[in-house]
N, C-alpha and C. Protein backbone atom coordinates (compact mmCIF):
# COMPACT_ATOMS: atom_id res chain seq x y z
N MET A 1 112.96 123.68 93.22
CA MET A 1 111.91 124.54 92.82
C MET A 1 112.34 126.03 93.29
N THR A 2 111.61 126.91 92.38
CA THR A 2 111.87 128.45 92.37
C THR A 2 110.42 128.91 93.38
N ALA A 3 111.20 130.36 93.86
CA ALA A 3 109.82 130.87 94.48
C ALA A 3 108.23 130.51 94.49
N THR A 4 108.67 131.86 93.32
CA THR A 4 107.72 131.86 91.86
C THR A 4 107.32 130.65 91.38
N GLU A 5 107.08 129.00 91.30
CA GLU A 5 106.74 128.13 90.95
C GLU A 5 106.01 127.78 92.85
N LYS A 6 107.18 127.77 93.76
CA LYS A 6 106.07 127.35 94.88
C LYS A 6 104.74 128.19 95.11
N TYR A 7 105.10 130.14 95.08
CA TYR A 7 104.07 130.46 95.02
C TYR A 7 102.76 129.92 93.75
N ARG A 8 103.04 129.80 93.01
CA ARG A 8 102.29 129.35 91.74
C ARG A 8 101.78 128.10 92.12
N ASN A 9 102.23 127.20 93.24
CA ASN A 9 101.14 126.30 93.41
C ASN A 9 101.04 125.80 94.96
N ASN A 10 100.99 127.93 95.53
CA ASN A 10 99.53 127.65 96.50
C ASN A 10 99.39 128.92 96.54
N PHE A 11 98.56 129.55 95.97
CA PHE A 11 98.05 131.25 95.24
C PHE A 11 97.86 131.67 96.99
N LEU A 12 97.04 130.96 97.98
CA LEU A 12 97.15 131.64 99.18
C LEU A 12 98.17 132.29 99.57
N GLN A 13 99.38 131.10 99.81
CA GLN A 13 100.61 131.90 100.41
C GLN A 13 100.62 132.76 99.19
N GLU A 14 101.18 132.95 98.27
CA GLU A 14 101.38 134.32 97.75
C GLU A 14 100.96 135.04 98.47
N VAL A 15 98.92 135.33 98.09
CA VAL A 15 98.20 136.71 98.64
C VAL A 15 98.53 136.80 100.08
N ILE A 16 98.97 135.77 101.23
CA ILE A 16 99.31 136.05 102.71
C ILE A 16 100.45 137.04 102.52
N ALA A 17 101.39 136.47 101.53
CA ALA A 17 103.15 137.62 101.71
C ALA A 17 102.24 138.66 101.04
N ASN A 18 101.62 139.57 100.05
CA ASN A 18 101.97 140.03 99.21
C ASN A 18 101.12 140.65 99.03
N VAL A 19 99.82 140.42 99.40
CA VAL A 19 98.40 141.65 99.39
C VAL A 19 98.07 141.96 101.00
N GLU A 20 97.73 143.43 101.39
CA GLU A 20 97.03 143.53 102.34
C GLU A 20 95.80 142.60 103.02
N GLU A 21 96.45 142.72 104.54
CA GLU A 21 95.10 141.51 105.17
C GLU A 21 95.19 140.26 104.19
N GLY A 22 95.67 140.18 103.66
CA GLY A 22 95.59 138.33 103.08
C GLY A 22 95.48 137.32 103.85
N GLU A 23 95.86 137.53 105.12
CA GLU A 23 95.72 135.87 105.78
C GLU A 23 94.04 136.05 105.76
N TRP A 24 93.35 136.99 106.07
CA TRP A 24 91.93 136.64 106.45
C TRP A 24 90.95 135.88 105.40
N VAL A 25 92.02 136.03 104.16
CA VAL A 25 91.13 135.01 103.18
C VAL A 25 90.38 133.85 103.45
N ARG A 26 91.53 133.12 104.69
CA ARG A 26 91.48 132.10 105.10
C ARG A 26 89.85 132.13 105.65
N MET A 27 89.45 132.88 106.47
CA MET A 27 88.09 132.78 107.44
C MET A 27 87.19 132.89 106.82
N CYS A 28 87.28 133.77 105.92
CA CYS A 28 85.67 133.60 104.85
C CYS A 28 85.24 132.18 104.76
N MET A 29 84.13 132.41 105.50
CA MET A 29 82.94 131.15 105.59
C MET A 29 81.60 131.45 104.48
N GLN A 30 82.22 132.00 103.04
CA GLN A 30 81.19 132.31 102.21
C GLN A 30 79.47 132.13 102.14
N CYS A 31 79.69 132.96 103.02
CA CYS A 31 77.91 133.45 103.45
C CYS A 31 77.26 134.33 102.33
N GLY A 32 78.65 134.72 102.21
CA GLY A 32 77.53 135.95 100.58
C GLY A 32 76.80 136.94 101.44
N VAL A 33 77.15 137.27 102.28
CA VAL A 33 76.27 138.96 103.04
C VAL A 33 77.18 140.17 101.89
N CYS A 34 78.58 140.06 101.87
CA CYS A 34 79.74 140.94 101.58
C CYS A 34 78.79 141.35 99.89
N SER A 35 78.56 140.25 99.43
CA SER A 35 77.95 140.78 97.95
C SER A 35 76.72 141.11 98.26
N GLY A 36 75.65 140.48 99.21
CA GLY A 36 74.23 141.28 99.39
C GLY A 36 74.44 142.29 99.83
N SER A 37 75.82 143.35 100.99
CA SER A 37 75.84 144.11 101.06
C SER A 37 76.85 145.26 99.82
N CYS A 38 76.45 144.63 98.38
CA CYS A 38 77.43 145.86 97.90
C CYS A 38 76.90 146.40 96.95
N PRO A 39 76.70 148.04 97.24
CA PRO A 39 75.98 148.83 96.02
C PRO A 39 76.02 148.35 94.36
N LEU A 40 77.34 148.01 94.40
CA LEU A 40 77.16 147.36 92.71
C LEU A 40 77.61 145.90 93.10
N GLY A 41 77.31 145.12 93.84
CA GLY A 41 76.40 143.33 93.86
C GLY A 41 76.44 143.14 92.18
N PRO A 42 75.60 143.69 91.56
CA PRO A 42 75.21 143.12 90.25
C PRO A 42 76.25 143.34 89.87
N HIS A 43 77.12 144.07 89.57
CA HIS A 43 77.89 144.65 88.06
C HIS A 43 79.70 143.56 88.69
N TRP A 44 79.80 143.28 89.81
CA TRP A 44 80.95 142.19 89.84
C TRP A 44 80.58 141.23 88.81
N GLU A 45 82.61 140.63 88.67
CA GLU A 45 82.53 139.73 87.26
C GLU A 45 82.50 138.72 88.58
N HIS A 46 83.32 138.82 89.74
CA HIS A 46 83.63 137.77 91.05
C HIS A 46 83.41 138.72 92.04
N PRO A 47 82.37 138.20 92.59
CA PRO A 47 81.98 139.19 93.88
C PRO A 47 83.33 138.37 95.02
N PRO A 48 83.50 138.99 96.18
CA PRO A 48 83.99 138.91 97.20
C PRO A 48 84.54 137.45 97.59
N GLN A 49 83.45 136.78 98.07
CA GLN A 49 83.17 135.50 98.71
C GLN A 49 84.38 134.58 97.29
N GLU A 50 83.72 134.72 96.22
CA GLU A 50 83.56 134.23 95.52
C GLU A 50 85.65 134.51 94.66
N ILE A 51 85.78 135.45 94.67
CA ILE A 51 87.49 135.89 94.66
C ILE A 51 87.56 135.32 95.74
N PHE A 52 87.60 135.08 97.18
CA PHE A 52 88.61 134.58 97.98
C PHE A 52 88.04 132.81 97.36
N MET A 53 87.05 132.00 97.37
CA MET A 53 86.73 131.03 97.28
C MET A 53 88.15 130.95 96.00
N MET A 54 88.15 131.22 95.01
CA MET A 54 89.00 130.93 93.70
C MET A 54 90.85 131.32 94.47
N ILE A 55 91.03 131.79 95.57
CA ILE A 55 92.10 132.52 95.78
C ILE A 55 92.64 130.98 96.59
N ARG A 56 92.08 130.59 97.60
CA ARG A 56 91.40 128.99 97.78
C ARG A 56 91.87 127.80 97.19
N ALA A 57 90.68 128.18 95.90
CA ALA A 57 91.42 127.31 94.73
C ALA A 57 92.50 127.26 93.81
N ASN A 58 93.33 128.36 94.18
CA ASN A 58 94.54 128.48 93.24
C ASN A 58 94.21 128.84 91.93
N LYS A 59 93.57 129.34 91.81
CA LYS A 59 92.82 130.72 90.60
C LYS A 59 93.92 131.50 90.45
N ARG A 60 95.01 131.86 90.17
CA ARG A 60 95.75 132.80 90.38
C ARG A 60 95.23 133.73 89.07
N GLN A 61 95.92 133.76 88.22
CA GLN A 61 95.61 133.97 86.53
C GLN A 61 94.02 134.86 86.78
N GLU A 62 93.22 134.25 87.33
CA GLU A 62 91.79 134.19 87.01
C GLU A 62 91.00 135.60 88.23
N VAL A 63 91.64 135.28 89.21
CA VAL A 63 91.97 136.68 90.34
C VAL A 63 92.48 137.82 90.00
N LEU A 64 93.74 137.36 89.83
CA LEU A 64 95.21 138.75 89.52
C LEU A 64 94.06 139.50 88.08
N SER A 65 93.81 139.11 87.50
CA SER A 65 93.30 139.60 86.01
C SER A 65 91.93 139.92 85.92
N SER A 66 91.35 139.66 87.18
CA SER A 66 89.47 140.21 87.28
C SER A 66 89.16 141.92 87.25
N SER A 67 88.33 141.87 86.57
CA SER A 67 88.05 143.11 87.30
C SER A 67 87.67 143.98 88.00
N SER A 68 86.83 142.32 89.32
CA SER A 68 86.15 142.82 90.00
C SER A 68 86.45 143.65 91.04
N MET A 69 88.13 143.07 91.62
CA MET A 69 88.45 144.57 92.82
C MET A 69 88.64 145.73 92.20
N TRP A 70 88.36 146.22 91.08
CA TRP A 70 88.68 147.27 90.60
C TRP A 70 87.13 148.19 90.74
N TYR A 71 86.35 147.26 90.88
CA TYR A 71 84.86 148.20 91.23
C TYR A 71 84.02 148.42 92.88
N CYS A 72 85.29 147.80 93.71
CA CYS A 72 84.96 148.06 94.67
C CYS A 72 85.10 149.91 95.62
N THR A 73 83.97 150.22 95.52
CA THR A 73 83.95 151.96 96.61
C THR A 73 84.45 152.59 97.94
N SER A 74 85.02 151.09 98.23
CA SER A 74 85.21 151.82 99.26
C SER A 74 84.10 152.32 100.95
N CYS A 75 82.67 151.58 100.11
CA CYS A 75 81.60 152.11 101.24
C CYS A 75 81.50 151.11 102.68
N TYR A 76 82.58 150.57 102.68
CA TYR A 76 82.20 149.39 103.70
C TYR A 76 81.34 148.82 104.46
N ASN A 77 80.50 148.63 103.38
CA ASN A 77 78.86 147.72 103.97
C ASN A 77 79.60 146.94 104.38
N CYS A 78 80.36 145.70 103.15
CA CYS A 78 80.76 144.30 103.26
C CYS A 78 81.70 144.32 105.43
N ILE A 79 82.73 145.35 105.48
CA ILE A 79 83.16 145.34 106.37
C ILE A 79 81.99 145.38 107.80
N ALA A 80 81.40 146.09 108.02
CA ALA A 80 80.22 146.52 108.66
C ALA A 80 79.47 145.34 108.68
N ARG A 81 79.37 144.54 108.07
CA ARG A 81 78.13 143.53 108.16
C ARG A 81 78.54 142.10 108.02
N CYS A 82 79.78 141.89 107.64
CA CYS A 82 80.33 140.52 107.86
C CYS A 82 80.45 139.89 109.10
N PRO A 83 80.08 138.65 109.40
CA PRO A 83 79.82 137.98 110.71
C PRO A 83 81.08 137.78 111.12
N ARG A 84 82.54 137.73 110.39
CA ARG A 84 83.33 137.12 111.25
C ARG A 84 84.55 138.30 111.09
N GLY A 85 84.05 139.52 110.71
CA GLY A 85 84.65 140.63 110.60
C GLY A 85 86.06 140.81 109.96
N LEU A 86 86.12 139.93 108.45
CA LEU A 86 86.44 140.19 107.96
C LEU A 86 87.08 141.30 106.93
N PRO A 87 88.34 142.32 106.68
CA PRO A 87 89.07 143.28 106.59
C PRO A 87 88.95 143.82 104.66
N ILE A 88 87.65 142.89 104.23
CA ILE A 88 87.50 142.78 102.96
C ILE A 88 87.82 143.93 101.74
N THR A 89 87.07 145.10 102.31
CA THR A 89 87.49 146.57 101.56
C THR A 89 89.16 146.46 101.24
N HIS A 90 90.07 146.42 102.02
CA HIS A 90 91.40 146.91 102.39
C HIS A 90 91.74 144.77 102.02
N ILE A 91 91.36 143.78 101.48
CA ILE A 91 91.55 142.65 100.81
C ILE A 91 91.76 142.71 99.69
N MET A 92 90.42 143.42 99.05
CA MET A 92 90.20 143.70 97.91
C MET A 92 91.03 145.23 97.24
N HIS A 93 91.42 146.08 97.47
CA HIS A 93 92.20 146.96 97.62
C HIS A 93 93.51 146.27 97.18
N GLY A 94 94.16 145.68 98.47
CA GLY A 94 95.65 144.93 98.25
C GLY A 94 95.62 143.90 97.06
N LEU A 95 94.41 143.34 96.57
CA LEU A 95 94.63 142.20 95.54
C LEU A 95 94.88 143.50 94.03
N ALA A 96 93.67 144.38 93.88
CA ALA A 96 93.97 145.61 92.98
C ALA A 96 95.48 145.89 92.39
N HIS A 97 95.84 145.98 93.54
CA HIS A 97 96.91 146.73 93.94
C HIS A 97 98.35 145.72 93.41
N TYR A 98 97.87 144.53 93.77
CA TYR A 98 99.04 143.56 93.56
C TYR A 98 99.07 142.98 92.10
N GLY A 99 97.70 142.85 91.49
CA GLY A 99 97.32 142.51 90.00
C GLY A 99 98.17 143.71 89.39
N ARG A 100 98.08 144.89 89.49
CA ARG A 100 98.42 145.79 88.23
C ARG A 100 100.38 146.04 88.52
N LYS A 101 100.65 145.29 90.17
CA LYS A 101 102.08 145.88 90.16
C LYS A 101 102.88 144.48 88.78
N LEU A 102 102.22 144.08 89.07
CA LEU A 102 102.95 142.44 88.59
C LEU A 102 102.05 142.49 87.09
N GLY A 103 101.70 143.23 86.59
CA GLY A 103 101.32 143.96 85.06
C GLY A 103 100.36 142.82 84.60
N VAL A 104 98.88 142.42 85.62
CA VAL A 104 98.51 141.41 85.11
C VAL A 104 96.86 141.67 84.86
N ALA A 105 96.78 143.25 85.77
CA ALA A 105 95.13 143.70 85.68
C ALA A 105 95.00 144.26 84.49
N PRO A 106 93.84 144.14 84.26
CA PRO A 106 92.73 144.68 82.98
C PRO A 106 93.36 146.10 82.95
N LYS A 107 93.56 146.42 82.02
CA LYS A 107 94.38 147.35 81.86
C LYS A 107 93.69 148.68 80.90
N GLU A 108 92.45 148.78 80.21
CA GLU A 108 91.22 149.61 79.24
C GLU A 108 90.50 149.62 80.67
N LEU A 109 90.17 149.00 81.49
CA LEU A 109 89.00 149.38 82.47
C LEU A 109 88.88 151.21 83.11
N PRO A 110 88.03 151.50 83.06
CA PRO A 110 87.35 152.69 83.66
C PRO A 110 88.12 153.43 84.90
N THR A 111 87.59 152.70 85.61
CA THR A 111 87.80 152.76 86.99
C THR A 111 89.47 152.64 87.83
N ILE A 112 90.17 152.15 86.59
CA ILE A 112 91.75 152.09 87.18
C ILE A 112 92.35 153.13 86.01
N LYS A 113 91.72 153.45 85.30
CA LYS A 113 91.95 155.01 84.49
C LYS A 113 91.99 156.31 85.49
N PHE A 114 90.71 156.31 86.33
CA PHE A 114 90.02 157.74 87.44
C PHE A 114 90.95 156.77 88.29
N SER A 115 91.68 155.89 89.01
CA SER A 115 92.36 155.44 90.00
C SER A 115 93.70 156.90 89.70
N MET A 116 94.04 155.35 89.06
CA MET A 116 95.57 156.44 88.42
C MET A 116 95.71 157.93 88.24
N LEU A 117 94.93 158.18 87.68
CA LEU A 117 94.59 159.94 87.43
C LEU A 117 93.96 160.73 88.43
N PHE A 118 93.86 159.90 89.39
CA PHE A 118 93.02 160.90 90.88
C PHE A 118 94.18 160.61 91.99
N TRP A 119 95.01 159.30 91.85
CA TRP A 119 96.41 159.38 92.85
C TRP A 119 97.78 160.61 92.21
N GLU A 120 97.69 160.42 90.69
CA GLU A 120 99.07 161.05 90.70
C GLU A 120 98.15 162.32 90.81
N ASN A 121 97.29 163.09 90.32
CA ASN A 121 96.91 164.30 90.75
C ASN A 121 97.71 164.91 92.03
N LEU A 122 97.02 163.71 93.14
CA LEU A 122 97.16 164.23 94.93
C LEU A 122 98.33 164.18 94.78
N VAL A 123 99.30 163.46 94.46
CA VAL A 123 100.44 163.45 94.63
C VAL A 123 101.63 164.81 94.34
N GLN A 124 101.24 165.48 93.71
CA GLN A 124 101.51 166.81 93.44
C GLN A 124 101.42 167.82 94.08
N LYS A 125 100.33 167.94 94.90
CA LYS A 125 100.90 169.19 95.98
C LYS A 125 100.23 168.49 97.15
N GLY A 126 99.93 166.90 96.77
CA GLY A 126 99.09 167.21 98.67
C GLY A 126 98.05 167.25 98.75
N ARG A 127 97.25 167.80 97.56
CA ARG A 127 95.57 167.73 97.66
C ARG A 127 95.07 167.39 96.22
N VAL A 128 93.56 167.18 96.19
CA VAL A 128 93.50 166.95 94.68
C VAL A 128 93.08 168.79 93.96
N ASN A 129 93.48 169.09 93.24
CA ASN A 129 92.60 169.90 92.20
C ASN A 129 91.68 169.19 91.53
N GLU A 130 90.48 169.91 91.49
CA GLU A 130 89.29 168.87 90.99
C GLU A 130 89.20 169.54 89.41
N LEU A 131 90.02 170.82 88.92
CA LEU A 131 89.72 171.36 87.51
C LEU A 131 90.73 170.48 86.79
N LYS A 132 91.61 169.90 87.03
CA LYS A 132 93.00 169.07 86.74
C LYS A 132 92.18 167.85 86.20
N LEU A 133 91.71 167.49 87.44
CA LEU A 133 91.40 166.01 87.57
C LEU A 133 90.01 165.92 86.23
N GLY A 134 89.22 167.09 86.56
CA GLY A 134 88.17 166.60 85.91
C GLY A 134 88.71 166.72 84.33
N LEU A 135 89.19 167.55 84.17
CA LEU A 135 89.89 167.89 82.47
C LEU A 135 90.69 166.60 82.01
N ARG A 136 91.11 166.01 83.28
CA ARG A 136 92.39 164.76 82.54
C ARG A 136 90.64 163.58 82.54
N LEU A 137 90.27 163.81 82.84
CA LEU A 137 89.07 162.22 83.00
C LEU A 137 87.84 163.47 81.69
N TYR A 138 87.67 164.22 81.25
CA TYR A 138 87.11 163.62 79.80
C TYR A 138 88.43 163.66 79.16
N PHE A 139 89.33 163.77 79.17
CA PHE A 139 90.40 163.38 77.45
C PHE A 139 90.98 162.20 78.20
N MET A 140 90.17 161.41 79.21
CA MET A 140 91.48 159.65 79.18
C MET A 140 90.77 159.56 78.29
N ASN A 141 89.71 158.99 77.78
CA ASN A 141 89.24 157.37 76.23
C ASN A 141 89.51 159.28 74.58
N GLY A 142 90.48 159.99 75.15
CA GLY A 142 90.68 160.76 73.38
C GLY A 142 90.32 162.36 73.11
N PHE A 143 90.86 162.86 72.78
CA PHE A 143 90.72 164.29 72.48
C PHE A 143 89.10 164.62 71.91
N MET A 144 88.63 164.18 70.59
CA MET A 144 87.16 164.01 71.09
C MET A 144 86.46 163.94 71.32
N ASN A 145 86.46 162.90 72.05
CA ASN A 145 85.14 162.21 73.87
C ASN A 145 85.72 163.33 74.58
N GLY A 146 86.89 163.59 75.04
CA GLY A 146 87.34 165.07 75.81
C GLY A 146 86.46 166.13 75.46
N ILE A 147 86.60 167.09 74.51
CA ILE A 147 85.64 167.74 73.53
C ILE A 147 84.23 167.74 73.72
N LYS A 148 83.99 166.47 73.44
CA LYS A 148 82.36 166.84 73.74
C LYS A 148 81.49 166.49 74.87
N THR A 149 82.62 165.68 75.95
CA THR A 149 82.41 165.72 77.39
C THR A 149 82.27 167.26 77.78
N ALA A 150 83.48 168.09 77.41
CA ALA A 150 83.58 169.75 78.14
C ALA A 150 82.41 170.40 77.66
N LEU A 151 81.89 170.23 76.33
CA LEU A 151 80.40 171.11 75.13
C LEU A 151 79.37 170.56 76.41
N LYS A 152 79.36 169.37 76.71
CA LYS A 152 78.04 168.77 77.13
C LYS A 152 77.86 169.34 78.61
N MET A 153 79.17 169.86 79.64
CA MET A 153 79.06 169.94 80.91
C MET A 153 79.80 171.39 81.21
N GLN A 154 79.49 172.14 79.36
CA GLN A 154 79.92 173.57 80.04
C GLN A 154 79.14 174.39 80.98
N LYS A 155 77.63 173.80 80.68
CA LYS A 155 76.87 175.19 81.82
C LYS A 155 77.10 174.84 83.26
N ILE A 156 77.21 172.96 83.42
CA ILE A 156 77.60 172.83 85.02
C ILE A 156 79.11 173.87 85.13
N GLY A 157 80.18 173.83 84.21
CA GLY A 157 81.44 174.74 84.44
C GLY A 157 80.97 175.84 84.72
N LEU A 158 80.09 176.55 83.85
CA LEU A 158 80.16 178.16 84.20
C LEU A 158 79.64 178.25 85.23
N GLY A 159 77.94 177.49 85.82
CA GLY A 159 77.55 177.50 87.20
C GLY A 159 78.77 176.95 88.33
N MET A 160 79.56 176.65 88.20
CA MET A 160 80.60 176.41 89.46
C MET A 160 81.44 178.24 89.72
N PHE A 161 81.70 178.00 87.63
CA PHE A 161 82.65 179.37 88.51
C PHE A 161 81.93 180.47 89.21
N LEU A 162 80.51 181.02 88.40
CA LEU A 162 80.07 181.75 89.14
C LEU A 162 79.87 182.04 90.51
N THR A 163 79.29 180.48 91.30
CA THR A 163 79.33 180.26 92.19
C THR A 163 80.38 179.84 93.16
N LYS A 164 81.76 180.51 92.55
CA LYS A 164 83.04 180.53 92.76
C LYS A 164 83.73 178.87 93.56
N ARG A 165 83.15 177.70 93.11
CA ARG A 165 82.74 176.55 93.36
C ARG A 165 84.48 175.91 91.68
N MET A 166 84.30 177.16 91.53
CA MET A 166 85.92 177.09 90.37
C MET A 166 86.45 177.94 90.37
N THR A 167 87.53 178.42 91.07
CA THR A 167 88.08 179.68 91.39
C THR A 167 89.71 179.92 90.05
N PRO A 168 89.82 181.18 90.18
CA PRO A 168 91.06 181.08 89.29
C PRO A 168 92.32 180.95 90.27
N MET A 169 92.18 180.46 91.36
CA MET A 169 93.40 180.11 92.04
C MET A 169 93.15 178.80 91.26
N GLU A 170 92.03 177.43 91.19
CA GLU A 170 92.41 176.38 91.17
C GLU A 170 92.72 175.87 89.14
N MET A 171 92.75 176.91 88.23
CA MET A 171 93.06 177.59 87.32
C MET A 171 93.96 177.81 87.01
N LEU A 172 95.53 178.20 88.06
CA LEU A 172 96.47 178.35 87.91
C LEU A 172 97.43 177.14 88.86
N GLY A 173 96.93 176.23 89.57
CA GLY A 173 97.27 175.11 89.80
C GLY A 173 96.93 174.72 90.52
N GLY A 174 96.31 175.43 91.85
CA GLY A 174 95.26 175.54 92.90
C GLY A 174 96.28 175.20 94.16
N HIS A 175 95.68 175.04 95.20
CA HIS A 175 96.12 174.62 96.65
C HIS A 175 96.61 173.79 96.95
N GLY A 176 98.32 173.98 97.31
CA GLY A 176 98.87 172.26 97.53
C GLY A 176 98.89 171.91 99.69
N CYS A 177 99.41 171.23 100.37
CA CYS A 177 100.06 171.33 101.40
C CYS A 177 101.25 171.72 101.83
N LYS A 178 101.25 171.89 103.10
CA LYS A 178 102.61 173.08 103.10
C LYS A 178 103.82 172.20 102.88
N ASP A 179 104.06 170.85 102.64
CA ASP A 179 105.29 170.51 102.24
C ASP A 179 104.77 169.90 101.20
N ALA A 180 104.60 169.50 100.19
CA ALA A 180 104.58 169.14 99.28
C ALA A 180 105.55 167.94 98.85
N LYS A 181 106.82 168.99 99.03
CA LYS A 181 107.82 167.89 98.48
C LYS A 181 108.53 166.55 99.81
N GLY A 182 107.85 166.79 101.14
CA GLY A 182 108.12 166.13 102.32
C GLY A 182 107.59 165.24 101.35
N LEU A 183 105.92 165.62 101.61
CA LEU A 183 105.25 164.30 101.34
C LEU A 183 105.62 163.11 100.06
N GLN A 184 105.92 163.63 98.79
CA GLN A 184 106.61 163.55 97.83
C GLN A 184 107.78 162.41 98.53
N ALA A 185 108.37 162.63 99.40
CA ALA A 185 109.59 161.85 99.47
C ALA A 185 109.01 160.63 100.63
N ILE A 186 108.14 161.13 101.51
CA ILE A 186 106.93 159.83 101.95
C ILE A 186 106.86 158.81 101.31
N LEU A 187 105.66 159.13 100.87
CA LEU A 187 105.74 158.19 99.17
C LEU A 187 106.38 157.42 98.70
N LYS A 188 107.44 157.95 98.36
CA LYS A 188 108.89 157.56 97.66
C LYS A 188 110.02 155.93 98.52
N LYS A 189 109.72 157.00 100.25
CA LYS A 189 109.49 155.97 100.82
C LYS A 189 109.11 154.71 100.52
N ALA A 190 107.92 154.66 101.04
CA ALA A 190 107.11 153.70 101.29
C ALA A 190 106.93 152.70 100.13
N GLN A 191 107.14 153.79 98.70
CA GLN A 191 107.12 152.38 97.65
C GLN A 191 108.44 151.74 97.06
N GLN A 192 109.37 152.01 98.17
CA GLN A 192 111.31 151.58 97.81
C GLN A 192 110.53 150.37 98.62
N ILE A 193 110.41 150.69 100.05
CA ILE A 193 109.79 149.90 101.21
C ILE A 193 109.21 148.10 100.86
N GLU A 194 108.14 148.99 99.96
CA GLU A 194 107.17 148.09 99.51
C GLU A 194 107.55 146.58 98.51
N ASP A 195 108.25 147.94 97.53
CA ASP A 195 109.52 146.99 96.37
C ASP A 195 110.53 146.13 97.07
N ALA A 196 110.59 146.26 98.08
CA ALA A 196 111.75 145.92 98.47
C ALA A 196 111.21 144.20 99.42
N LYS A 197 110.18 144.54 100.10
CA LYS A 197 109.45 143.67 100.43
C LYS A 197 108.85 142.67 99.53
N THR A 198 108.06 142.74 98.00
CA THR A 198 107.52 142.31 97.09
C THR A 198 108.85 141.35 96.69
N VAL A 199 110.40 142.03 96.74
CA VAL A 199 111.19 141.36 96.14
C VAL A 199 111.66 139.91 96.92
N LYS A 200 111.66 140.78 98.69
CA LYS A 200 112.61 139.27 99.54
C LYS A 200 111.54 138.25 99.68
N GLN A 201 109.92 138.51 99.50
CA GLN A 201 109.25 137.59 99.88
C GLN A 201 108.88 136.65 98.48
N GLY A 202 109.09 137.74 97.00
CA GLY A 202 108.47 136.73 96.02
C GLY A 202 110.31 135.60 95.64
């Protein structure tokens, strides 16, 4: 039996090995406090406690391809109120990252697009350029949608410019951290370590 086949017969062990704080999934007692505490609770395809139950039930494809993890906004209400102190936010983000890494996460979900655009913007200079990020978000669903959104938001944009909330510096590229190349090197090394870890365990 290959390592992949073994994982597919025990999805919980796969989560423990590859997902941040995955070992805590075993501690969930299905009380539902996390779902009741979540501002986006009614919009989840599967609330956290259901995701954890599905992991233990070996529903690998259903979990990793679910949109649920991508709706987490990191408000930490679930962690603050969980009677067993589970790091639910970290697990949900870890599952989202793992699903995307395996290529089974939903492709067209707006929250996935936003997270990737935000990350790409951030790593360029170590700080988010809000103007560039906003423009990329306007156009992420096509050129015509971007034009319509930009025209709709022009008054707000002008107001931001007049109150110096949007400056020429941002238009020219924005501020960065002191050592953007160093930050990028750190992130690249971290990714290499993560990739090696997954290969070794997978």
